[in-house]
PDB file of N, CA and C in Angstrom:
ATOM      1  N   UNK A   1     165.319 119.702  72.907  1.00  0.00           N
ATOM      2  CA  UNK A   1     164.226 118.890  72.219  1.00  0.00           C
ATOM      3  C   UNK A   1     163.500 118.036  73.273  1.00  0.00           C
ATOM      4  N   UNK A   2     162.181 118.075  73.266  1.00  0.00           N
ATOM      5  CA  UNK A   2     161.418 117.280  74.254  1.00  0.00           C
ATOM      6  C   UNK A   2     161.439 115.809  73.886  1.00  0.00           C
ATOM      7  N   UNK A   3     161.433 114.952  74.958  1.00  0.00           N
ATOM      8  CA  UNK A   3     161.232 113.514  74.650  1.00  0.00           C
ATOM      9  C   UNK A   3     159.757 113.254  74.404  1.00  0.00           C
ATOM     10  N   UNK A   4     159.520 112.056  73.922  1.00  0.00           N
ATOM     11  CA  UNK A   4     158.155 111.690  73.607  1.00  0.00           C
ATOM     12  C   UNK A   4     157.302 111.721  74.906  1.00  0.00           C
ATOM     13  N   UNK A   5     157.995 111.224  76.016  1.00  0.00           N
ATOM     14  CA  UNK A   5     157.308 111.148  77.297  1.00  0.00           C
ATOM     15  C   UNK A   5     156.886 112.591  77.702  1.00  0.00           C
ATOM     16  N   UNK A   6     157.803 113.546  77.626  1.00  0.00           N
ATOM     17  CA  UNK A   6     157.466 114.940  77.912  1.00  0.00           C
ATOM     18  C   UNK A   6     156.368 115.523  77.150  1.00  0.00           C
ATOM     19  N   UNK A   7     156.248 115.072  75.907  1.00  0.00           N
ATOM     20  CA  UNK A   7     155.191 115.476  74.984  1.00  0.00           C
ATOM     21  C   UNK A   7     153.873 114.854  75.273  1.00  0.00           C
ATOM     22  N   UNK A   8     153.861 113.546  75.578  1.00  0.00           N
ATOM     23  CA  UNK A   8     152.525 112.907  75.729  1.00  0.00           C
ATOM     24  C   UNK A   8     152.037 112.790  77.141  1.00  0.00           C
ATOM     25  N   UNK A   9     152.809 112.821  78.222  1.00  0.00           N
ATOM     26  CA  UNK A   9     152.392 112.655  79.581  1.00  0.00           C
ATOM     27  C   UNK A   9     151.412 113.813  79.973  1.00  0.00           C
ATOM     28  N   UNK A  10     151.680 115.070  79.551  1.00  0.00           N
ATOM     29  CA  UNK A  10     150.671 116.184  79.815  1.00  0.00           C
ATOM     30  C   UNK A  10     149.371 115.902  79.098  1.00  0.00           C
ATOM     31  N   UNK A  11     149.361 115.353  77.885  1.00  0.00           N
ATOM     32  CA  UNK A  11     148.216 115.006  77.109  1.00  0.00           C
ATOM     33  C   UNK A  11     147.448 113.903  77.837  1.00  0.00           C
ATOM     34  N   UNK A  12     148.106 112.931  78.366  1.00  0.00           N
ATOM     35  CA  UNK A  12     147.493 111.844  79.069  1.00  0.00           C
ATOM     36  C   UNK A  12     146.769 112.393  80.342  1.00  0.00           C
ATOM     37  N   UNK A  13     147.479 113.239  81.106  1.00  0.00           N
ATOM     38  CA  UNK A  13     146.960 113.812  82.309  1.00  0.00           C
ATOM     39  C   UNK A  13     145.635 114.660  82.012  1.00  0.00           C
ATOM     40  N   UNK A  14     145.683 115.364  80.899  1.00  0.00           N
ATOM     41  CA  UNK A  14     144.467 116.094  80.417  1.00  0.00           C
ATOM     42  C   UNK A  14     143.352 115.029  80.069  1.00  0.00           C
ATOM     43  N   UNK A  15     143.673 113.967  79.440  1.00  0.00           N
ATOM     44  CA  UNK A  15     142.682 113.021  79.064  1.00  0.00           C
ATOM     45  C   UNK A  15     142.120 112.373  80.288  1.00  0.00           C
ATOM     46  N   UNK A  16     142.927 112.026  81.281  1.00  0.00           N
ATOM     47  CA  UNK A  16     142.414 111.275  82.494  1.00  0.00           C
ATOM     48  C   UNK A  16     141.517 112.231  83.279  1.00  0.00           C
ATOM     49  N   UNK A  17     141.767 113.521  83.280  1.00  0.00           N
ATOM     50  CA  UNK A  17     140.926 114.429  84.050  1.00  0.00           C
ATOM     51  C   UNK A  17     139.722 114.975  83.260  1.00  0.00           C
ATOM     52  N   UNK A  18     139.646 114.641  81.948  1.00  0.00           N
ATOM     53  CA  UNK A  18     138.594 115.144  81.101  1.00  0.00           C
ATOM     54  C   UNK A  18     137.258 114.492  81.364  1.00  0.00           C
ATOM     55  N   UNK A  19     137.282 113.194  81.767  1.00  0.00           N
ATOM     56  CA  UNK A  19     135.973 112.487  81.940  1.00  0.00           C
ATOM     57  C   UNK A  19     135.478 112.029  80.550  1.00  0.00           C
ATOM     58  N   UNK A  20     136.211 112.168  79.546  1.00  0.00           N
ATOM     59  CA  UNK A  20     135.814 111.779  78.056  1.00  0.00           C
ATOM     60  C   UNK A  20     136.230 110.297  77.883  1.00  0.00           C
ATOM     61  N   UNK A  21     135.606 109.674  76.959  1.00  0.00           N
ATOM     62  CA  UNK A  21     136.048 108.369  76.547  1.00  0.00           C
ATOM     63  C   UNK A  21     137.330 108.550  75.694  1.00  0.00           C
ATOM     64  N   UNK A  22     138.089 107.497  75.467  1.00  0.00           N
ATOM     65  CA  UNK A  22     139.301 107.639  74.654  1.00  0.00           C
ATOM     66  C   UNK A  22     138.935 108.062  73.272  1.00  0.00           C
ATOM     67  N   UNK A  23     137.891 107.555  72.714  1.00  0.00           N
ATOM     68  CA  UNK A  23     137.427 107.919  71.343  1.00  0.00           C
ATOM     69  C   UNK A  23     137.087 109.418  71.212  1.00  0.00           C
ATOM     70  N   UNK A  24     136.281 109.867  72.160  1.00  0.00           N
ATOM     71  CA  UNK A  24     135.865 111.232  72.196  1.00  0.00           C
ATOM     72  C   UNK A  24     137.049 112.228  72.305  1.00  0.00           C
ATOM     73  N   UNK A  25     137.948 111.898  73.306  1.00  0.00           N
ATOM     74  CA  UNK A  25     139.110 112.707  73.547  1.00  0.00           C
ATOM     75  C   UNK A  25     140.046 112.702  72.327  1.00  0.00           C
ATOM     76  N   UNK A  26     140.190 111.534  71.724  1.00  0.00           N
ATOM     77  CA  UNK A  26     141.093 111.452  70.532  1.00  0.00           C
ATOM     78  C   UNK A  26     140.538 112.276  69.396  1.00  0.00           C
ATOM     79  N   UNK A  27     139.253 112.230  69.213  1.00  0.00           N
ATOM     80  CA  UNK A  27     138.647 113.045  68.065  1.00  0.00           C
ATOM     81  C   UNK A  27     138.722 114.517  68.358  1.00  0.00           C
ATOM     82  N   UNK A  28     138.466 114.955  69.593  1.00  0.00           N
ATOM     83  CA  UNK A  28     138.518 116.408  69.973  1.00  0.00           C
ATOM     84  C   UNK A  28     139.874 116.940  69.930  1.00  0.00           C
ATOM     85  N   UNK A  29     140.878 116.114  70.243  1.00  0.00           N
ATOM     86  CA  UNK A  29     142.276 116.581  70.274  1.00  0.00           C
ATOM     87  C   UNK A  29     143.131 116.174  69.138  1.00  0.00           C
ATOM     88  N   UNK A  30     142.497 115.541  68.153  1.00  0.00           N
ATOM     89  CA  UNK A  30     143.189 115.114  66.960  1.00  0.00           C
ATOM     90  C   UNK A  30     144.429 114.300  67.182  1.00  0.00           C
ATOM     91  N   UNK A  31     144.253 113.233  68.088  1.00  0.00           N
ATOM     92  CA  UNK A  31     145.332 112.321  68.400  1.00  0.00           C
ATOM     93  C   UNK A  31     144.787 110.942  68.048  1.00  0.00           C
ATOM     94  N   UNK A  32     145.662 110.097  67.485  1.00  0.00           N
ATOM     95  CA  UNK A  32     145.371 108.737  67.121  1.00  0.00           C
ATOM     96  C   UNK A  32     145.008 107.994  68.353  1.00  0.00           C
ATOM     97  N   UNK A  33     143.870 107.313  68.363  1.00  0.00           N
ATOM     98  CA  UNK A  33     143.332 106.557  69.578  1.00  0.00           C
ATOM     99  C   UNK A  33     144.318 105.508  70.020  1.00  0.00           C
ATOM    100  N   UNK A  34     145.011 104.852  69.124  1.00  0.00           N
ATOM    101  CA  UNK A  34     146.044 103.862  69.501  1.00  0.00           C
ATOM    102  C   UNK A  34     147.233 104.508  70.169  1.00  0.00           C
ATOM    103  N   UNK A  35     147.629 105.714  69.730  1.00  0.00           N
ATOM    104  CA  UNK A  35     148.691 106.458  70.372  1.00  0.00           C
ATOM    105  C   UNK A  35     148.221 106.801  71.793  1.00  0.00           C
ATOM    106  N   UNK A  36     146.972 107.308  71.926  1.00  0.00           N
ATOM    107  CA  UNK A  36     146.462 107.641  73.254  1.00  0.00           C
ATOM    108  C   UNK A  36     146.516 106.463  74.072  1.00  0.00           C
ATOM    109  N   UNK A  37     146.074 105.291  73.624  1.00  0.00           N
ATOM    110  CA  UNK A  37     146.069 104.074  74.432  1.00  0.00           C
ATOM    111  C   UNK A  37     147.448 103.695  74.889  1.00  0.00           C
ATOM    112  N   UNK A  38     148.433 103.708  73.957  1.00  0.00           N
ATOM    113  CA  UNK A  38     149.796 103.345  74.190  1.00  0.00           C
ATOM    114  C   UNK A  38     150.306 104.248  75.375  1.00  0.00           C
ATOM    115  N   UNK A  39     150.223 105.551  75.255  1.00  0.00           N
ATOM    116  CA  UNK A  39     150.866 106.456  76.174  1.00  0.00           C
ATOM    117  C   UNK A  39     150.093 106.403  77.511  1.00  0.00           C
ATOM    118  N   UNK A  40     148.772 106.099  77.495  1.00  0.00           N
ATOM    119  CA  UNK A  40     148.036 105.927  78.749  1.00  0.00           C
ATOM    120  C   UNK A  40     148.583 104.791  79.528  1.00  0.00           C
ATOM    121  N   UNK A  41     148.865 103.657  78.850  1.00  0.00           N
ATOM    122  CA  UNK A  41     149.429 102.539  79.494  1.00  0.00           C
ATOM    123  C   UNK A  41     150.854 102.903  80.075  1.00  0.00           C
ATOM    124  N   UNK A  42     151.667 103.506  79.278  1.00  0.00           N
ATOM    125  CA  UNK A  42     152.965 103.906  79.704  1.00  0.00           C
ATOM    126  C   UNK A  42     152.926 104.853  80.946  1.00  0.00           C
ATOM    127  N   UNK A  43     151.954 105.797  80.967  1.00  0.00           N
ATOM    128  CA  UNK A  43     151.798 106.757  82.002  1.00  0.00           C
ATOM    129  C   UNK A  43     151.346 105.999  83.346  1.00  0.00           C
ATOM    130  N   UNK A  44     150.408 105.067  83.192  1.00  0.00           N
ATOM    131  CA  UNK A  44     150.019 104.269  84.338  1.00  0.00           C
ATOM    132  C   UNK A  44     151.039 103.409  84.882  1.00  0.00           C
ATOM    133  N   UNK A  45     151.844 102.778  84.020  1.00  0.00           N
ATOM    134  CA  UNK A  45     152.867 101.863  84.411  1.00  0.00           C
ATOM    135  C   UNK A  45     153.997 102.669  85.283  1.00  0.00           C
ATOM    136  N   UNK A  46     154.319 103.858  84.778  1.00  0.00           N
ATOM    137  CA  UNK A  46     155.237 104.679  85.441  1.00  0.00           C
ATOM    138  C   UNK A  46     154.689 105.156  86.800  1.00  0.00           C
ATOM    139  N   UNK A  47     153.397 105.435  86.876  1.00  0.00           N
ATOM    140  CA  UNK A  47     152.756 105.911  88.072  1.00  0.00           C
ATOM    141  C   UNK A  47     152.849 104.821  89.134  1.00  0.00           C
ATOM    142  N   UNK A  48     152.611 103.587  88.711  1.00  0.00           N
ATOM    143  CA  UNK A  48     152.664 102.494  89.687  1.00  0.00           C
ATOM    144  C   UNK A  48     154.017 102.310  90.282  1.00  0.00           C
ATOM    145  N   UNK A  49     155.017 102.525  89.522  1.00  0.00           N
ATOM    146  CA  UNK A  49     156.421 102.384  89.975  1.00  0.00           C
ATOM    147  C   UNK A  49     156.688 103.443  90.936  1.00  0.00           C
ATOM    148  N   UNK A  50     156.229 104.724  90.698  1.00  0.00           N
ATOM    149  CA  UNK A  50     156.576 105.920  91.584  1.00  0.00           C
ATOM    150  C   UNK A  50     155.663 105.942  92.850  1.00  0.00           C
ATOM    151  N   UNK A  51     154.624 105.191  92.827  1.00  0.00           N
ATOM    152  CA  UNK A  51     153.664 105.294  93.970  1.00  0.00           C
ATOM    153  C   UNK A  51     154.113 104.572  95.237  1.00  0.00           C
ATOM    154  N   UNK A  52     154.104 105.352  96.305  1.00  0.00           N
ATOM    155  CA  UNK A  52     154.457 104.758  97.602  1.00  0.00           C
ATOM    156  C   UNK A  52     153.579 105.467  98.628  1.00  0.00           C
ATOM    157  N   UNK A  53     153.194 104.787  99.624  1.00  0.00           N
ATOM    158  CA  UNK A  53     152.402 105.423 100.705  1.00  0.00           C
ATOM    159  C   UNK A  53     151.045 105.866 100.292  1.00  0.00           C
ATOM    160  N   UNK A  54     150.549 107.050 100.832  1.00  0.00           N
ATOM    161  CA  UNK A  54     149.267 107.513 100.511  1.00  0.00           C
ATOM    162  C   UNK A  54     149.152 108.104  99.166  1.00  0.00           C
ATOM    163  N   UNK A  55     147.945 108.089  98.596  1.00  0.00           N
ATOM    164  CA  UNK A  55     147.600 108.698  97.333  1.00  0.00           C
ATOM    165  C   UNK A  55     146.829 109.969  97.610  1.00  0.00           C
ATOM    166  N   UNK A  56     147.215 111.054  96.982  1.00  0.00           N
ATOM    167  CA  UNK A  56     146.479 112.252  97.185  1.00  0.00           C
ATOM    168  C   UNK A  56     145.085 112.154  96.617  1.00  0.00           C
ATOM    169  N   UNK A  57     144.096 112.716  97.243  1.00  0.00           N
ATOM    170  CA  UNK A  57     142.755 112.686  96.802  1.00  0.00           C
ATOM    171  C   UNK A  57     142.262 114.061  96.533  1.00  0.00           C
ATOM    172  N   UNK A  58     141.851 114.325  95.325  1.00  0.00           N
ATOM    173  CA  UNK A  58     141.432 115.670  95.000  1.00  0.00           C
ATOM    174  C   UNK A  58     140.303 115.641  94.044  1.00  0.00           C
ATOM    175  N   UNK A  59     139.462 116.710  94.117  1.00  0.00           N
ATOM    176  CA  UNK A  59     138.264 116.786  93.123  1.00  0.00           C
ATOM    177  C   UNK A  59     138.834 117.595  91.919  1.00  0.00           C
ATOM    178  N   UNK A  60     138.693 116.862  90.744  1.00  0.00           N
ATOM    179  CA  UNK A  60     139.257 117.490  89.557  1.00  0.00           C
ATOM    180  C   UNK A  60     138.132 118.067  88.680  1.00  0.00           C
ATOM    181  N   UNK A  61     136.939 117.597  88.824  1.00  0.00           N
ATOM    182  CA  UNK A  61     135.836 118.045  87.976  1.00  0.00           C
ATOM    183  C   UNK A  61     134.488 117.842  88.683  1.00  0.00           C
ATOM    184  N   UNK A  62     133.657 118.892  88.584  1.00  0.00           N
ATOM    185  CA  UNK A  62     132.296 118.854  89.203  1.00  0.00           C
ATOM    186  C   UNK A  62     131.332 118.983  88.142  1.00  0.00           C
ATOM    187  N   UNK A  63     130.426 118.012  87.972  1.00  0.00           N
ATOM    188  CA  UNK A  63     129.376 118.165  86.980  1.00  0.00           C
ATOM    189  C   UNK A  63     128.078 117.873  87.778  1.00  0.00           C
ATOM    190  N   UNK A  64     127.033 118.551  87.368  1.00  0.00           N
ATOM    191  CA  UNK A  64     125.756 118.369  88.080  1.00  0.00           C
ATOM    192  C   UNK A  64     125.255 116.937  87.856  1.00  0.00           C
ATOM    193  N   UNK A  65     124.760 116.350  88.964  1.00  0.00           N
ATOM    194  CA  UNK A  65     124.248 115.024  88.901  1.00  0.00           C
ATOM    195  C   UNK A  65     125.154 113.890  88.462  1.00  0.00           C
ATOM    196  N   UNK A  66     126.456 114.146  88.522  1.00  0.00           N
ATOM    197  CA  UNK A  66     127.419 113.128  88.053  1.00  0.00           C
ATOM    198  C   UNK A  66     128.593 113.158  89.085  1.00  0.00           C
ATOM    199  N   UNK A  67     128.947 111.972  89.476  1.00  0.00           N
ATOM    200  CA  UNK A  67     130.149 111.801  90.363  1.00  0.00           C
ATOM    201  C   UNK A  67     131.069 110.852  89.699  1.00  0.00           C
ATOM    202  N   UNK A  68     132.325 111.245  89.612  1.00  0.00           N
ATOM    203  CA  UNK A  68     133.331 110.324  89.003  1.00  0.00           C
ATOM    204  C   UNK A  68     134.502 110.118  90.041  1.00  0.00           C
ATOM    205  N   UNK A  69     134.788 108.861  90.236  1.00  0.00           N
ATOM    206  CA  UNK A  69     135.887 108.528  91.231  1.00  0.00           C
ATOM    207  C   UNK A  69     136.962 107.717  90.384  1.00  0.00           C
ATOM    208  N   UNK A  70     138.155 108.249  90.393  1.00  0.00           N
ATOM    209  CA  UNK A  70     139.239 107.538  89.676  1.00  0.00           C
ATOM    210  C   UNK A  70     140.346 107.104  90.696  1.00  0.00           C
ATOM    211  N   UNK A  71     140.573 105.789  90.732  1.00  0.00           N
ATOM    212  CA  UNK A  71     141.650 105.286  91.615  1.00  0.00           C
ATOM    213  C   UNK A  71     142.957 105.373  91.016  1.00  0.00           C
ATOM    214  N   UNK A  72     143.980 105.243  91.799  1.00  0.00           N
ATOM    215  CA  UNK A  72     145.423 105.366  91.292  1.00  0.00           C
ATOM    216  C   UNK A  72     145.688 104.386  90.148  1.00  0.00           C
ATOM    217  N   UNK A  73     145.075 103.186  90.230  1.00  0.00           N
ATOM    218  CA  UNK A  73     145.401 102.157  89.177  1.00  0.00           C
ATOM    219  C   UNK A  73     144.635 102.484  87.880  1.00  0.00           C
ATOM    220  N   UNK A  74     143.817 103.575  87.779  1.00  0.00           N
ATOM    221  CA  UNK A  74     143.213 103.955  86.578  1.00  0.00           C
ATOM    222  C   UNK A  74     141.787 103.520  86.547  1.00  0.00           C
ATOM    223  N   UNK A  75     141.293 102.741  87.547  1.00  0.00           N
ATOM    224  CA  UNK A  75     139.896 102.283  87.591  1.00  0.00           C
ATOM    225  C   UNK A  75     139.059 103.526  87.774  1.00  0.00           C
ATOM    226  N   UNK A  76     138.004 103.669  86.950  1.00  0.00           N
ATOM    227  CA  UNK A  76     137.107 104.895  87.070  1.00  0.00           C
ATOM    228  C   UNK A  76     135.791 104.415  87.295  1.00  0.00           C
ATOM    229  N   UNK A  77     135.093 104.971  88.311  1.00  0.00           N
ATOM    230  CA  UNK A  77     133.613 104.730  88.598  1.00  0.00           C
ATOM    231  C   UNK A  77     132.905 106.001  88.358  1.00  0.00           C
ATOM    232  N   UNK A  78     131.781 105.976  87.562  1.00  0.00           N
ATOM    233  CA  UNK A  78     130.969 107.123  87.252  1.00  0.00           C
ATOM    234  C   UNK A  78     129.577 106.859  87.579  1.00  0.00           C
ATOM    235  N   UNK A  79     129.048 107.750  88.429  1.00  0.00           N
ATOM    236  CA  UNK A  79     127.669 107.669  88.818  1.00  0.00           C
ATOM    237  C   UNK A  79     126.896 108.813  88.232  1.00  0.00           C
ATOM    238  N   UNK A  80     125.889 108.511  87.386  1.00  0.00           N
ATOM    239  CA  UNK A  80     125.148 109.623  86.733  1.00  0.00           C
ATOM    240  C   UNK A  80     123.839 109.993  87.445  1.00  0.00           C
ATOM    241  N   UNK A  81     123.451 109.309  88.500  1.00  0.00           N
ATOM    242  CA  UNK A  81     122.361 109.711  89.381  1.00  0.00           C
ATOM    243  C   UNK A  81     122.791 109.911  90.739  1.00  0.00           C
ATOM    244  N   UNK A  82     121.871 110.302  91.488  1.00  0.00           N
ATOM    245  CA  UNK A  82     122.132 110.528  92.992  1.00  0.00           C
ATOM    246  C   UNK A  82     122.697 109.201  93.590  1.00  0.00           C
ATOM    247  N   UNK A  83     123.686 109.415  94.476  1.00  0.00           N
ATOM    248  CA  UNK A  83     124.396 108.286  95.142  1.00  0.00           C
ATOM    249  C   UNK A  83     124.239 108.484  96.639  1.00  0.00           C
ATOM    250  N   UNK A  84     123.906 107.385  97.358  1.00  0.00           N
ATOM    251  CA  UNK A  84     123.865 107.417  98.775  1.00  0.00           C
ATOM    252  C   UNK A  84     125.282 107.665  99.351  1.00  0.00           C
ATOM    253  N   UNK A  85     125.369 108.477 100.371  1.00  0.00           N
ATOM    254  CA  UNK A  85     126.683 108.860 100.981  1.00  0.00           C
ATOM    255  C   UNK A  85     127.346 107.676 101.478  1.00  0.00           C
ATOM    256  N   UNK A  86     126.567 106.733 102.057  1.00  0.00           N
ATOM    257  CA  UNK A  86     127.174 105.484 102.601  1.00  0.00           C
ATOM    258  C   UNK A  86     127.842 104.647 101.531  1.00  0.00           C
ATOM    259  N   UNK A  87     127.250 104.646 100.332  1.00  0.00           N
ATOM    260  CA  UNK A  87     127.871 103.924  99.218  1.00  0.00           C
ATOM    261  C   UNK A  87     129.213 104.590  98.801  1.00  0.00           C
ATOM    262  N   UNK A  88     129.252 105.911  98.787  1.00  0.00           N
ATOM    263  CA  UNK A  88     130.526 106.578  98.482  1.00  0.00           C
ATOM    264  C   UNK A  88     131.551 106.341  99.509  1.00  0.00           C
ATOM    265  N   UNK A  89     131.116 106.397 100.832  1.00  0.00           N
ATOM    266  CA  UNK A  89     132.157 106.090 101.914  1.00  0.00           C
ATOM    267  C   UNK A  89     132.748 104.746 101.721  1.00  0.00           C
ATOM    268  N   UNK A  90     131.963 103.773 101.306  1.00  0.00           N
ATOM    269  CA  UNK A  90     132.483 102.359 101.218  1.00  0.00           C
ATOM    270  C   UNK A  90     133.448 102.213  99.992  1.00  0.00           C
ATOM    271  N   UNK A  91     133.224 103.074  99.006  1.00  0.00           N
ATOM    272  CA  UNK A  91     134.213 103.120  97.824  1.00  0.00           C
ATOM    273  C   UNK A  91     135.453 103.907  98.040  1.00  0.00           C
ATOM    274  N   UNK A  92     135.359 104.922  98.938  1.00  0.00           N
ATOM    275  CA  UNK A  92     136.496 105.810  99.236  1.00  0.00           C
ATOM    276  C   UNK A  92     136.747 105.781 100.672  1.00  0.00           C
ATOM    277  N   UNK A  93     137.408 104.777 101.279  1.00  0.00           N
ATOM    278  CA  UNK A  93     137.573 104.581 102.694  1.00  0.00           C
ATOM    279  C   UNK A  93     138.253 105.790 103.424  1.00  0.00           C
ATOM    280  N   UNK A  94     138.990 106.625 102.675  1.00  0.00           N
ATOM    281  CA  UNK A  94     139.671 107.737 103.325  1.00  0.00           C
ATOM    282  C   UNK A  94     138.695 108.694 103.888  1.00  0.00           C
ATOM    283  N   UNK A  95     137.477 108.722 103.393  1.00  0.00           N
ATOM    284  CA  UNK A  95     136.472 109.702 103.854  1.00  0.00           C
ATOM    285  C   UNK A  95     135.791 109.212 105.229  1.00  0.00           C
ATOM    286  N   UNK A  96     136.021 108.018 105.578  1.00  0.00           N
ATOM    287  CA  UNK A  96     135.362 107.543 106.777  1.00  0.00           C
ATOM    288  C   UNK A  96     136.072 108.115 108.081  1.00  0.00           C
ATOM    289  N   UNK A  97     135.276 108.569 109.054  1.00  0.00           N
ATOM    290  CA  UNK A  97     135.820 109.176 110.268  1.00  0.00           C
ATOM    291  C   UNK A  97     136.501 108.152 111.074  1.00  0.00           C
TER     292      UNK A  97
END
């Protein structure tokens, strides 16, 4: 039998990579918004404990005219219009030569 963590963490990973608000994701996936919020916090807390050294950087979703950057602590920046490359470099220092 799966633990609650084994059940909800894959859902949280799907939510975090979806680009949807908690409300929209909850409605589309028929999950209580409070449950989603609780397990998102648990997921982030565990991720903080496990994190050491460098964080992998990957592109999870490409949308036309929209750029989304999500930091390891869960902070998400979304740009819906064109963004200057210098601005992106300042927000994601790993890209700087």
